[in-house]
């Protein structure tokens, strides 16, 4: 979400910046259909967060995105889980609804 925030800031306040380096972000979805499809996925995830937060976290961690192939020490993995569990599910769900990829403009 940091990349989306940086993009929005840059577009709104371009005169304040000399440049912008972005990593691992996108410039919006290419079509309205893809945006609408993503909106449905984001809403489903938001409801999952609200109804069964721990199950959501378990499934989220199994996504291929997080499989780096590097063994993570158990202590570090446990610390990461504690940070996740300490989050406010309603705030996370609302963040996804209000600031997820589906909220980016359709790119031209």
PDB file of N, CA and C in Angstrom:
ATOM      1  N   UNK A   1       0.815  -1.196   0.000  1.00  0.00           N
ATOM      2  CA  UNK A   1       0.000   0.000   0.000  1.00  0.00           C
ATOM      3  C   UNK A   1       0.858   1.259   0.000  1.00  0.00           C
ATOM      4  N   UNK A   2       2.107   1.125   0.409  1.00  0.00           N
ATOM      5  CA  UNK A   2       2.997   2.286   0.423  1.00  0.00           C
ATOM      6  C   UNK A   2       3.231   2.845  -0.957  1.00  0.00           C
ATOM      7  N   UNK A   3       3.319   1.960  -1.941  1.00  0.00           N
ATOM      8  CA  UNK A   3       3.498   2.423  -3.319  1.00  0.00           C
ATOM      9  C   UNK A   3       2.294   3.196  -3.805  1.00  0.00           C
ATOM     10  N   UNK A   4       1.096   2.741  -3.461  1.00  0.00           N
ATOM     11  CA  UNK A   4      -0.117   3.459  -3.865  1.00  0.00           C
ATOM     12  C   UNK A   4      -0.181   4.823  -3.202  1.00  0.00           C
ATOM     13  N   UNK A   5       0.202   4.879  -1.937  1.00  0.00           N
ATOM     14  CA  UNK A   5       0.232   6.155  -1.230  1.00  0.00           C
ATOM     15  C   UNK A   5       1.223   7.118  -1.899  1.00  0.00           C
ATOM     16  N   UNK A   6       2.408   6.606  -2.222  1.00  0.00           N
ATOM     17  CA  UNK A   6       3.421   7.442  -2.870  1.00  0.00           C
ATOM     18  C   UNK A   6       2.938   7.942  -4.230  1.00  0.00           C
ATOM     19  N   UNK A   7       2.291   7.083  -4.994  1.00  0.00           N
ATOM     20  CA  UNK A   7       1.762   7.488  -6.295  1.00  0.00           C
ATOM     21  C   UNK A   7       0.706   8.579  -6.159  1.00  0.00           C
ATOM     22  N   UNK A   8      -0.215   8.387  -5.244  1.00  0.00           N
ATOM     23  CA  UNK A   8      -1.265   9.399  -5.044  1.00  0.00           C
ATOM     24  C   UNK A   8      -0.668  10.732  -4.610  1.00  0.00           C
ATOM     25  N   UNK A   9       0.289  10.666  -3.693  1.00  0.00           N
ATOM     26  CA  UNK A   9       0.943  11.897  -3.237  1.00  0.00           C
ATOM     27  C   UNK A   9       1.648  12.581  -4.400  1.00  0.00           C
ATOM     28  N   UNK A  10       2.376  11.816  -5.193  1.00  0.00           N
ATOM     29  CA  UNK A  10       3.121  12.381  -6.320  1.00  0.00           C
ATOM     30  C   UNK A  10       2.191  13.025  -7.340  1.00  0.00           C
ATOM     31  N   UNK A  11       1.065  12.404  -7.599  1.00  0.00           N
ATOM     32  CA  UNK A  11       0.123  12.978  -8.560  1.00  0.00           C
ATOM     33  C   UNK A  11      -0.522  14.258  -8.035  1.00  0.00           C
ATOM     34  N   UNK A  12      -0.802  14.277  -6.756  1.00  0.00           N
ATOM     35  CA  UNK A  12      -1.464  15.438  -6.162  1.00  0.00           C
ATOM     36  C   UNK A  12      -0.490  16.589  -5.875  1.00  0.00           C
ATOM     37  N   UNK A  13       0.764  16.241  -5.560  1.00  0.00           N
ATOM     38  CA  UNK A  13       1.743  17.253  -5.150  1.00  0.00           C
ATOM     39  C   UNK A  13       3.026  17.152  -5.974  1.00  0.00           C
ATOM     40  N   UNK A  14       2.876  17.014  -7.270  1.00  0.00           N
ATOM     41  CA  UNK A  14       4.038  16.811  -8.148  1.00  0.00           C
ATOM     42  C   UNK A  14       5.089  17.907  -7.990  1.00  0.00           C
ATOM     43  N   UNK A  15       4.684  19.118  -7.727  1.00  0.00           N
ATOM     44  CA  UNK A  15       5.617  20.229  -7.586  1.00  0.00           C
ATOM     45  C   UNK A  15       6.526  20.122  -6.374  1.00  0.00           C
ATOM     46  N   UNK A  16       6.182  19.284  -5.425  1.00  0.00           N
ATOM     47  CA  UNK A  16       7.002  19.115  -4.227  1.00  0.00           C
ATOM     48  C   UNK A  16       8.113  18.082  -4.400  1.00  0.00           C
ATOM     49  N   UNK A  17       8.070  17.357  -5.505  1.00  0.00           N
ATOM     50  CA  UNK A  17       9.012  16.259  -5.706  1.00  0.00           C
ATOM     51  C   UNK A  17       9.942  16.519  -6.884  1.00  0.00           C
ATOM     52  N   UNK A  18      11.165  16.054  -6.758  1.00  0.00           N
ATOM     53  CA  UNK A  18      12.100  16.090  -7.885  1.00  0.00           C
ATOM     54  C   UNK A  18      12.061  14.763  -8.640  1.00  0.00           C
ATOM     55  N   UNK A  19      11.639  13.725  -7.987  1.00  0.00           N
ATOM     56  CA  UNK A  19      11.565  12.403  -8.589  1.00  0.00           C
ATOM     57  C   UNK A  19      10.887  11.443  -7.642  1.00  0.00           C
ATOM     58  N   UNK A  20      10.719  10.232  -8.106  1.00  0.00           N
ATOM     59  CA  UNK A  20      10.053   9.217  -7.302  1.00  0.00           C
ATOM     60  C   UNK A  20      10.558   7.853  -7.738  1.00  0.00           C
ATOM     61  N   UNK A  21      11.011   7.073  -6.789  1.00  0.00           N
ATOM     62  CA  UNK A  21      11.440   5.703  -7.067  1.00  0.00           C
ATOM     63  C   UNK A  21      10.439   4.773  -6.391  1.00  0.00           C
ATOM     64  N   UNK A  22       9.852   3.901  -7.183  1.00  0.00           N
ATOM     65  CA  UNK A  22       8.858   2.962  -6.672  1.00  0.00           C
ATOM     66  C   UNK A  22       9.346   1.543  -6.882  1.00  0.00           C
ATOM     67  N   UNK A  23       9.061   0.692  -5.902  1.00  0.00           N
ATOM     68  CA  UNK A  23       9.420  -0.716  -6.021  1.00  0.00           C
ATOM     69  C   UNK A  23       8.236  -1.565  -5.591  1.00  0.00           C
ATOM     70  N   UNK A  24       7.943  -2.583  -6.359  1.00  0.00           N
ATOM     71  CA  UNK A  24       6.886  -3.544  -6.042  1.00  0.00           C
ATOM     72  C   UNK A  24       5.524  -2.888  -5.874  1.00  0.00           C
ATOM     73  N   UNK A  25       5.177  -2.029  -6.789  1.00  0.00           N
ATOM     74  CA  UNK A  25       3.852  -1.415  -6.783  1.00  0.00           C
ATOM     75  C   UNK A  25       3.327  -1.434  -8.209  1.00  0.00           C
ATOM     76  N   UNK A  26       2.094  -1.035  -8.396  1.00  0.00           N
ATOM     77  CA  UNK A  26       1.572  -0.966  -9.765  1.00  0.00           C
ATOM     78  C   UNK A  26       0.862   0.356  -9.974  1.00  0.00           C
ATOM     79  N   UNK A  27       0.540   0.626 -11.203  1.00  0.00           N
ATOM     80  CA  UNK A  27      -0.068   1.905 -11.561  1.00  0.00           C
ATOM     81  C   UNK A  27      -1.561   1.784 -11.799  1.00  0.00           C
ATOM     82  N   UNK A  28      -2.171   0.807 -11.209  1.00  0.00           N
ATOM     83  CA  UNK A  28      -3.602   0.597 -11.388  1.00  0.00           C
ATOM     84  C   UNK A  28      -3.850  -0.574 -12.322  1.00  0.00           C
ATOM     85  N   UNK A  29      -5.066  -1.023 -12.344  1.00  0.00           N
ATOM     86  CA  UNK A  29      -5.439  -2.159 -13.181  1.00  0.00           C
ATOM     87  C   UNK A  29      -5.756  -1.683 -14.593  1.00  0.00           C
ATOM     88  N   UNK A  30      -5.539  -2.528 -15.607  1.00  0.00           N
ATOM     89  CA  UNK A  30      -5.643  -2.063 -16.994  1.00  0.00           C
ATOM     90  C   UNK A  30      -7.061  -1.867 -17.531  1.00  0.00           C
ATOM     91  N   UNK A  31      -8.065  -2.478 -16.897  1.00  0.00           N
ATOM     92  CA  UNK A  31      -9.435  -2.345 -17.403  1.00  0.00           C
ATOM     93  C   UNK A  31     -10.425  -2.189 -16.258  1.00  0.00           C
ATOM     94  N   UNK A  32     -11.595  -1.664 -16.582  1.00  0.00           N
ATOM     95  CA  UNK A  32     -12.646  -1.546 -15.570  1.00  0.00           C
ATOM     96  C   UNK A  32     -13.089  -2.919 -15.080  1.00  0.00           C
ATOM     97  N   UNK A  33     -13.111  -3.900 -15.976  1.00  0.00           N
ATOM     98  CA  UNK A  33     -13.498  -5.259 -15.571  1.00  0.00           C
ATOM     99  C   UNK A  33     -12.522  -5.806 -14.539  1.00  0.00           C
ATOM    100  N   UNK A  34     -11.225  -5.651 -14.783  1.00  0.00           N
ATOM    101  CA  UNK A  34     -10.232  -6.141 -13.815  1.00  0.00           C
ATOM    102  C   UNK A  34     -10.373  -5.404 -12.486  1.00  0.00           C
ATOM    103  N   UNK A  35     -10.665  -4.103 -12.556  1.00  0.00           N
ATOM    104  CA  UNK A  35     -10.855  -3.323 -11.333  1.00  0.00           C
ATOM    105  C   UNK A  35     -12.081  -3.831 -10.566  1.00  0.00           C
ATOM    106  N   UNK A  36     -13.175  -4.076 -11.267  1.00  0.00           N
ATOM    107  CA  UNK A  36     -14.386  -4.584 -10.617  1.00  0.00           C
ATOM    108  C   UNK A  36     -14.169  -5.980 -10.044  1.00  0.00           C
ATOM    109  N   UNK A  37     -13.445  -6.822 -10.779  1.00  0.00           N
ATOM    110  CA  UNK A  37     -13.134  -8.164 -10.275  1.00  0.00           C
ATOM    111  C   UNK A  37     -12.306  -8.071  -8.996  1.00  0.00           C
ATOM    112  N   UNK A  38     -11.321  -7.188  -8.980  1.00  0.00           N
ATOM    113  CA  UNK A  38     -10.468  -7.035  -7.807  1.00  0.00           C
ATOM    114  C   UNK A  38     -11.257  -6.468  -6.629  1.00  0.00           C
ATOM    115  N   UNK A  39     -12.186  -5.576  -6.918  1.00  0.00           N
ATOM    116  CA  UNK A  39     -13.031  -5.017  -5.861  1.00  0.00           C
ATOM    117  C   UNK A  39     -13.808  -6.129  -5.157  1.00  0.00           C
ATOM    118  N   UNK A  40     -14.316  -7.090  -5.915  1.00  0.00           N
ATOM    119  CA  UNK A  40     -15.042  -8.228  -5.337  1.00  0.00           C
ATOM    120  C   UNK A  40     -14.111  -9.083  -4.474  1.00  0.00           C
ATOM    121  N   UNK A  41     -12.905  -9.325  -4.958  1.00  0.00           N
ATOM    122  CA  UNK A  41     -11.923 -10.102  -4.193  1.00  0.00           C
ATOM    123  C   UNK A  41     -11.577  -9.372  -2.899  1.00  0.00           C
ATOM    124  N   UNK A  42     -11.329  -8.071  -2.989  1.00  0.00           N
ATOM    125  CA  UNK A  42     -10.982  -7.288  -1.805  1.00  0.00           C
ATOM    126  C   UNK A  42     -12.117  -7.286  -0.787  1.00  0.00           C
ATOM    127  N   UNK A  43     -13.351  -7.191  -1.260  1.00  0.00           N
ATOM    128  CA  UNK A  43     -14.499  -7.209  -0.339  1.00  0.00           C
ATOM    129  C   UNK A  43     -14.614  -8.572   0.341  1.00  0.00           C
ATOM    130  N   UNK A  44     -14.396  -9.635  -0.413  1.00  0.00           N
ATOM    131  CA  UNK A  44     -14.438 -10.983   0.167  1.00  0.00           C
ATOM    132  C   UNK A  44     -13.355 -11.123   1.236  1.00  0.00           C
ATOM    133  N   UNK A  45     -12.169 -10.625   0.951  1.00  0.00           N
ATOM    134  CA  UNK A  45     -11.089 -10.679   1.942  1.00  0.00           C
ATOM    135  C   UNK A  45     -11.419  -9.828   3.165  1.00  0.00           C
ATOM    136  N   UNK A  46     -11.991  -8.664   2.955  1.00  0.00           N
ATOM    137  CA  UNK A  46     -12.354  -7.790   4.075  1.00  0.00           C
ATOM    138  C   UNK A  46     -13.370  -8.471   4.987  1.00  0.00           C
ATOM    139  N   UNK A  47     -14.352  -9.130   4.393  1.00  0.00           N
ATOM    140  CA  UNK A  47     -15.341  -9.855   5.203  1.00  0.00           C
ATOM    141  C   UNK A  47     -14.691 -11.019   5.951  1.00  0.00           C
ATOM    142  N   UNK A  48     -13.738 -11.691   5.316  1.00  0.00           N
ATOM    143  CA  UNK A  48     -13.025 -12.790   5.967  1.00  0.00           C
ATOM    144  C   UNK A  48     -12.233 -12.254   7.161  1.00  0.00           C
ATOM    145  N   UNK A  49     -11.597 -11.121   6.997  1.00  0.00           N
ATOM    146  CA  UNK A  49     -10.860 -10.488   8.097  1.00  0.00           C
ATOM    147  C   UNK A  49     -11.806 -10.212   9.263  1.00  0.00           C
ATOM    148  N   UNK A  50     -12.978  -9.684   8.955  1.00  0.00           N
ATOM    149  CA  UNK A  50     -13.932  -9.313  10.003  1.00  0.00           C
ATOM    150  C   UNK A  50     -14.575 -10.518  10.693  1.00  0.00           C
ATOM    151  N   UNK A  51     -14.758 -11.610   9.966  1.00  0.00           N
ATOM    152  CA  UNK A  51     -15.484 -12.741  10.534  1.00  0.00           C
ATOM    153  C   UNK A  51     -14.583 -13.804  11.162  1.00  0.00           C
ATOM    154  N   UNK A  52     -13.369 -13.971  10.627  1.00  0.00           N
ATOM    155  CA  UNK A  52     -12.456 -14.984  11.181  1.00  0.00           C
ATOM    156  C   UNK A  52     -11.014 -14.543  10.914  1.00  0.00           C
ATOM    157  N   UNK A  53     -10.581 -13.588  11.687  1.00  0.00           N
ATOM    158  CA  UNK A  53      -9.284 -12.951  11.490  1.00  0.00           C
ATOM    159  C   UNK A  53      -8.126 -13.944  11.519  1.00  0.00           C
ATOM    160  N   UNK A  54      -8.122 -14.853  12.464  1.00  0.00           N
ATOM    161  CA  UNK A  54      -7.016 -15.809  12.579  1.00  0.00           C
ATOM    162  C   UNK A  54      -6.969 -16.752  11.371  1.00  0.00           C
ATOM    163  N   UNK A  55      -8.124 -17.184  10.899  1.00  0.00           N
ATOM    164  CA  UNK A  55      -8.160 -18.018   9.703  1.00  0.00           C
ATOM    165  C   UNK A  55      -7.655 -17.234   8.491  1.00  0.00           C
ATOM    166  N   UNK A  56      -8.058 -15.966   8.398  1.00  0.00           N
ATOM    167  CA  UNK A  56      -7.566 -15.126   7.310  1.00  0.00           C
ATOM    168  C   UNK A  56      -6.037 -15.064   7.336  1.00  0.00           C
ATOM    169  N   UNK A  57      -5.460 -14.815   8.516  1.00  0.00           N
ATOM    170  CA  UNK A  57      -4.001 -14.728   8.626  1.00  0.00           C
ATOM    171  C   UNK A  57      -3.338 -16.041   8.217  1.00  0.00           C
ATOM    172  N   UNK A  58      -3.910 -17.158   8.650  1.00  0.00           N
ATOM    173  CA  UNK A  58      -3.352 -18.462   8.280  1.00  0.00           C
ATOM    174  C   UNK A  58      -3.330 -18.638   6.765  1.00  0.00           C
ATOM    175  N   UNK A  59      -4.442 -18.325   6.123  1.00  0.00           N
ATOM    176  CA  UNK A  59      -4.531 -18.482   4.667  1.00  0.00           C
ATOM    177  C   UNK A  59      -3.649 -17.458   3.951  1.00  0.00           C
ATOM    178  N   UNK A  60      -3.577 -16.247   4.457  1.00  0.00           N
ATOM    179  CA  UNK A  60      -2.758 -15.190   3.858  1.00  0.00           C
ATOM    180  C   UNK A  60      -1.280 -15.620   3.821  1.00  0.00           C
ATOM    181  N   UNK A  61      -0.820 -16.204   4.904  1.00  0.00           N
ATOM    182  CA  UNK A  61       0.573 -16.633   4.991  1.00  0.00           C
ATOM    183  C   UNK A  61       0.896 -17.768   4.021  1.00  0.00           C
ATOM    184  N   UNK A  62      -0.110 -18.490   3.560  1.00  0.00           N
ATOM    185  CA  UNK A  62       0.108 -19.597   2.627  1.00  0.00           C
ATOM    186  C   UNK A  62       0.167 -19.143   1.170  1.00  0.00           C
ATOM    187  N   UNK A  63      -0.071 -17.855   0.925  1.00  0.00           N
ATOM    188  CA  UNK A  63      -0.042 -17.356  -0.451  1.00  0.00           C
ATOM    189  C   UNK A  63       1.376 -17.475  -1.028  1.00  0.00           C
ATOM    190  N   UNK A  64       1.479 -17.796  -2.315  1.00  0.00           N
ATOM    191  CA  UNK A  64       2.794 -17.941  -2.951  1.00  0.00           C
ATOM    192  C   UNK A  64       3.688 -16.702  -2.805  1.00  0.00           C
ATOM    193  N   UNK A  65       3.081 -15.552  -2.691  1.00  0.00           N
ATOM    194  CA  UNK A  65       3.823 -14.304  -2.520  1.00  0.00           C
ATOM    195  C   UNK A  65       4.802 -14.376  -1.350  1.00  0.00           C
ATOM    196  N   UNK A  66       4.431 -15.107  -0.305  1.00  0.00           N
ATOM    197  CA  UNK A  66       5.246 -15.168   0.902  1.00  0.00           C
ATOM    198  C   UNK A  66       6.174 -16.381   0.954  1.00  0.00           C
ATOM    199  N   UNK A  67       6.196 -17.163  -0.109  1.00  0.00           N
ATOM    200  CA  UNK A  67       7.063 -18.332  -0.153  1.00  0.00           C
ATOM    201  C   UNK A  67       8.364 -17.960  -0.860  1.00  0.00           C
ATOM    202  N   UNK A  68       9.327 -17.489  -0.088  1.00  0.00           N
ATOM    203  CA  UNK A  68      10.597 -17.040  -0.664  1.00  0.00           C
ATOM    204  C   UNK A  68      11.571 -18.195  -0.861  1.00  0.00           C
ATOM    205  N   UNK A  69      11.269 -19.350  -0.283  1.00  0.00           N
ATOM    206  CA  UNK A  69      12.190 -20.466  -0.368  1.00  0.00           C
ATOM    207  C   UNK A  69      13.292 -20.411   0.679  1.00  0.00           C
ATOM    208  N   UNK A  70      13.292 -19.356   1.473  1.00  0.00           N
ATOM    209  CA  UNK A  70      14.292 -19.184   2.527  1.00  0.00           C
ATOM    210  C   UNK A  70      13.667 -19.607   3.853  1.00  0.00           C
ATOM    211  N   UNK A  71      14.372 -20.430   4.583  1.00  0.00           N
ATOM    212  CA  UNK A  71      13.891 -20.867   5.904  1.00  0.00           C
ATOM    213  C   UNK A  71      13.954 -19.691   6.876  1.00  0.00           C
ATOM    214  N   UNK A  72      12.824 -19.389   7.495  1.00  0.00           N
ATOM    215  CA  UNK A  72      12.759 -18.296   8.462  1.00  0.00           C
ATOM    216  C   UNK A  72      12.863 -18.899   9.860  1.00  0.00           C
ATOM    217  N   UNK A  73      13.753 -18.349  10.690  1.00  0.00           N
ATOM    218  CA  UNK A  73      13.878 -18.882  12.056  1.00  0.00           C
ATOM    219  C   UNK A  73      12.536 -18.833  12.789  1.00  0.00           C
ATOM    220  N   UNK A  74      12.265 -19.837  13.604  1.00  0.00           N
ATOM    221  CA  UNK A  74      10.998 -19.957  14.327  1.00  0.00           C
ATOM    222  C   UNK A  74      10.729 -18.713  15.167  1.00  0.00           C
ATOM    223  N   UNK A  75      11.765 -18.196  15.833  1.00  0.00           N
ATOM    224  CA  UNK A  75      11.571 -17.019  16.699  1.00  0.00           C
ATOM    225  C   UNK A  75      11.088 -15.818  15.879  1.00  0.00           C
ATOM    226  N   UNK A  76      11.676 -15.634  14.713  1.00  0.00           N
ATOM    227  CA  UNK A  76      11.285 -14.511  13.856  1.00  0.00           C
ATOM    228  C   UNK A  76       9.871 -14.708  13.334  1.00  0.00           C
ATOM    229  N   UNK A  77       9.549 -15.909  12.963  1.00  0.00           N
ATOM    230  CA  UNK A  77       8.210 -16.229  12.481  1.00  0.00           C
ATOM    231  C   UNK A  77       7.168 -15.978  13.571  1.00  0.00           C
ATOM    232  N   UNK A  78       7.499 -16.338  14.799  1.00  0.00           N
ATOM    233  CA  UNK A  78       6.585 -16.119  15.930  1.00  0.00           C
ATOM    234  C   UNK A  78       6.413 -14.625  16.201  1.00  0.00           C
ATOM    235  N   UNK A  79       7.485 -13.859  16.108  1.00  0.00           N
ATOM    236  CA  UNK A  79       7.391 -12.403  16.306  1.00  0.00           C
ATOM    237  C   UNK A  79       6.504 -11.775  15.243  1.00  0.00           C
ATOM    238  N   UNK A  80       6.678 -12.219  14.009  1.00  0.00           N
ATOM    239  CA  UNK A  80       5.875 -11.699  12.909  1.00  0.00           C
ATOM    240  C   UNK A  80       4.394 -12.007  13.140  1.00  0.00           C
ATOM    241  N   UNK A  81       4.103 -13.208  13.587  1.00  0.00           N
ATOM    242  CA  UNK A  81       2.719 -13.592  13.859  1.00  0.00           C
ATOM    243  C   UNK A  81       2.127 -12.750  14.989  1.00  0.00           C
ATOM    244  N   UNK A  82       2.906 -12.477  16.026  1.00  0.00           N
ATOM    245  CA  UNK A  82       2.427 -11.634  17.132  1.00  0.00           C
ATOM    246  C   UNK A  82       2.064 -10.242  16.633  1.00  0.00           C
ATOM    247  N   UNK A  83       2.873  -9.708  15.737  1.00  0.00           N
ATOM    248  CA  UNK A  83       2.587  -8.385  15.160  1.00  0.00           C
ATOM    249  C   UNK A  83       1.279  -8.444  14.378  1.00  0.00           C
ATOM    250  N   UNK A  84       1.102  -9.483  13.578  1.00  0.00           N
ATOM    251  CA  UNK A  84      -0.124  -9.621  12.789  1.00  0.00           C
ATOM    252  C   UNK A  84      -1.354  -9.725  13.684  1.00  0.00           C
ATOM    253  N   UNK A  85      -1.298 -10.595  14.671  1.00  0.00           N
ATOM    254  CA  UNK A  85      -2.441 -10.839  15.548  1.00  0.00           C
ATOM    255  C   UNK A  85      -2.814  -9.584  16.342  1.00  0.00           C
ATOM    256  N   UNK A  86      -1.842  -8.713  16.579  1.00  0.00           N
ATOM    257  CA  UNK A  86      -2.094  -7.498  17.355  1.00  0.00           C
ATOM    258  C   UNK A  86      -2.832  -6.418  16.548  1.00  0.00           C
ATOM    259  N   UNK A  87      -3.000  -6.622  15.253  1.00  0.00           N
ATOM    260  CA  UNK A  87      -3.666  -5.628  14.422  1.00  0.00           C
ATOM    261  C   UNK A  87      -5.175  -5.619  14.696  1.00  0.00           C
ATOM    262  N   UNK A  88      -5.803  -4.507  14.369  1.00  0.00           N
ATOM    263  CA  UNK A  88      -7.254  -4.368  14.542  1.00  0.00           C
ATOM    264  C   UNK A  88      -7.948  -4.850  13.261  1.00  0.00           C
ATOM    265  N   UNK A  89      -8.661  -5.966  13.325  1.00  0.00           N
ATOM    266  CA  UNK A  89      -9.294  -6.505  12.123  1.00  0.00           C
ATOM    267  C   UNK A  89     -10.194  -5.507  11.389  1.00  0.00           C
ATOM    268  N   UNK A  90     -10.986  -4.733  12.132  1.00  0.00           N
ATOM    269  CA  UNK A  90     -11.871  -3.776  11.450  1.00  0.00           C
ATOM    270  C   UNK A  90     -11.072  -2.716  10.699  1.00  0.00           C
ATOM    271  N   UNK A  91      -9.959  -2.285  11.264  1.00  0.00           N
ATOM    272  CA  UNK A  91      -9.115  -1.294  10.579  1.00  0.00           C
ATOM    273  C   UNK A  91      -8.463  -1.903   9.340  1.00  0.00           C
ATOM    274  N   UNK A  92      -8.039  -3.154   9.446  1.00  0.00           N
ATOM    275  CA  UNK A  92      -7.442  -3.816   8.281  1.00  0.00           C
ATOM    276  C   UNK A  92      -8.461  -3.991   7.159  1.00  0.00           C
ATOM    277  N   UNK A  93      -9.666  -4.404   7.513  1.00  0.00           N
ATOM    278  CA  UNK A  93     -10.716  -4.591   6.505  1.00  0.00           C
ATOM    279  C   UNK A  93     -11.049  -3.263   5.833  1.00  0.00           C
ATOM    280  N   UNK A  94     -11.175  -2.213   6.633  1.00  0.00           N
ATOM    281  CA  UNK A  94     -11.492  -0.902   6.058  1.00  0.00           C
ATOM    282  C   UNK A  94     -10.346  -0.349   5.225  1.00  0.00           C
ATOM    283  N   UNK A  95      -9.121  -0.651   5.608  1.00  0.00           N
ATOM    284  CA  UNK A  95      -7.969  -0.234   4.819  1.00  0.00           C
ATOM    285  C   UNK A  95      -7.995  -0.902   3.447  1.00  0.00           C
ATOM    286  N   UNK A  96      -8.327  -2.169   3.420  1.00  0.00           N
ATOM    287  CA  UNK A  96      -8.423  -2.891   2.157  1.00  0.00           C
ATOM    288  C   UNK A  96      -9.535  -2.321   1.286  1.00  0.00           C
ATOM    289  N   UNK A  97     -10.662  -2.027   1.909  1.00  0.00           N
ATOM    290  CA  UNK A  97     -11.792  -1.470   1.151  1.00  0.00           C
ATOM    291  C   UNK A  97     -11.494  -0.057   0.620  1.00  0.00           C
ATOM    292  N   UNK A  98     -10.802   0.730   1.410  1.00  0.00           N
ATOM    293  CA  UNK A  98     -10.594   2.127   1.034  1.00  0.00           C
ATOM    294  C   UNK A  98      -9.297   2.437   0.330  1.00  0.00           C
ATOM    295  N   UNK A  99      -8.344   1.484   0.380  1.00  0.00           N
ATOM    296  CA  UNK A  99      -7.025   1.798  -0.153  1.00  0.00           C
ATOM    297  C   UNK A  99      -6.399   0.630  -0.907  1.00  0.00           C
ATOM    298  N   UNK A 100      -7.189  -0.373  -1.220  1.00  0.00           N
ATOM    299  CA  UNK A 100      -6.680  -1.540  -1.951  1.00  0.00           C
ATOM    300  C   UNK A 100      -6.456  -1.242  -3.421  1.00  0.00           C
ATOM    301  N   UNK A 101      -5.946  -2.231  -4.133  1.00  0.00           N
ATOM    302  CA  UNK A 101      -5.648  -2.081  -5.557  1.00  0.00           C
ATOM    303  C   UNK A 101      -6.879  -1.667  -6.351  1.00  0.00           C
ATOM    304  N   UNK A 102      -8.051  -2.117  -5.956  1.00  0.00           N
ATOM    305  CA  UNK A 102      -9.277  -1.769  -6.685  1.00  0.00           C
ATOM    306  C   UNK A 102      -9.590  -0.281  -6.594  1.00  0.00           C
ATOM    307  N   UNK A 103      -8.998   0.430  -5.660  1.00  0.00           N
ATOM    308  CA  UNK A 103      -9.256   1.862  -5.516  1.00  0.00           C
ATOM    309  C   UNK A 103      -8.347   2.701  -6.423  1.00  0.00           C
ATOM    310  N   UNK A 104      -7.335   2.081  -7.017  1.00  0.00           N
ATOM    311  CA  UNK A 104      -6.464   2.812  -7.938  1.00  0.00           C
ATOM    312  C   UNK A 104      -7.261   3.110  -9.200  1.00  0.00           C
ATOM    313  N   UNK A 105      -6.975   4.218  -9.858  1.00  0.00           N
ATOM    314  CA  UNK A 105      -7.681   4.497 -11.117  1.00  0.00           C
ATOM    315  C   UNK A 105      -7.293   3.453 -12.174  1.00  0.00           C
ATOM    316  N   UNK A 106      -8.189   3.251 -13.127  1.00  0.00           N
ATOM    317  CA  UNK A 106      -7.857   2.369 -14.249  1.00  0.00           C
ATOM    318  C   UNK A 106      -6.769   3.081 -15.046  1.00  0.00           C
ATOM    319  N   UNK A 107      -5.663   2.392 -15.263  1.00  0.00           N
ATOM    320  CA  UNK A 107      -4.547   3.037 -15.969  1.00  0.00           C
ATOM    321  C   UNK A 107      -4.850   3.129 -17.454  1.00  0.00           C
ATOM    322  N   UNK A 108      -4.350   4.155 -18.037  1.00  0.00           N
ATOM    323  CA  UNK A 108      -4.578   4.388 -19.468  1.00  0.00           C
ATOM    324  C   UNK A 108      -3.573   3.639 -20.313  1.00  0.00           C
TER     325      UNK A 108
END
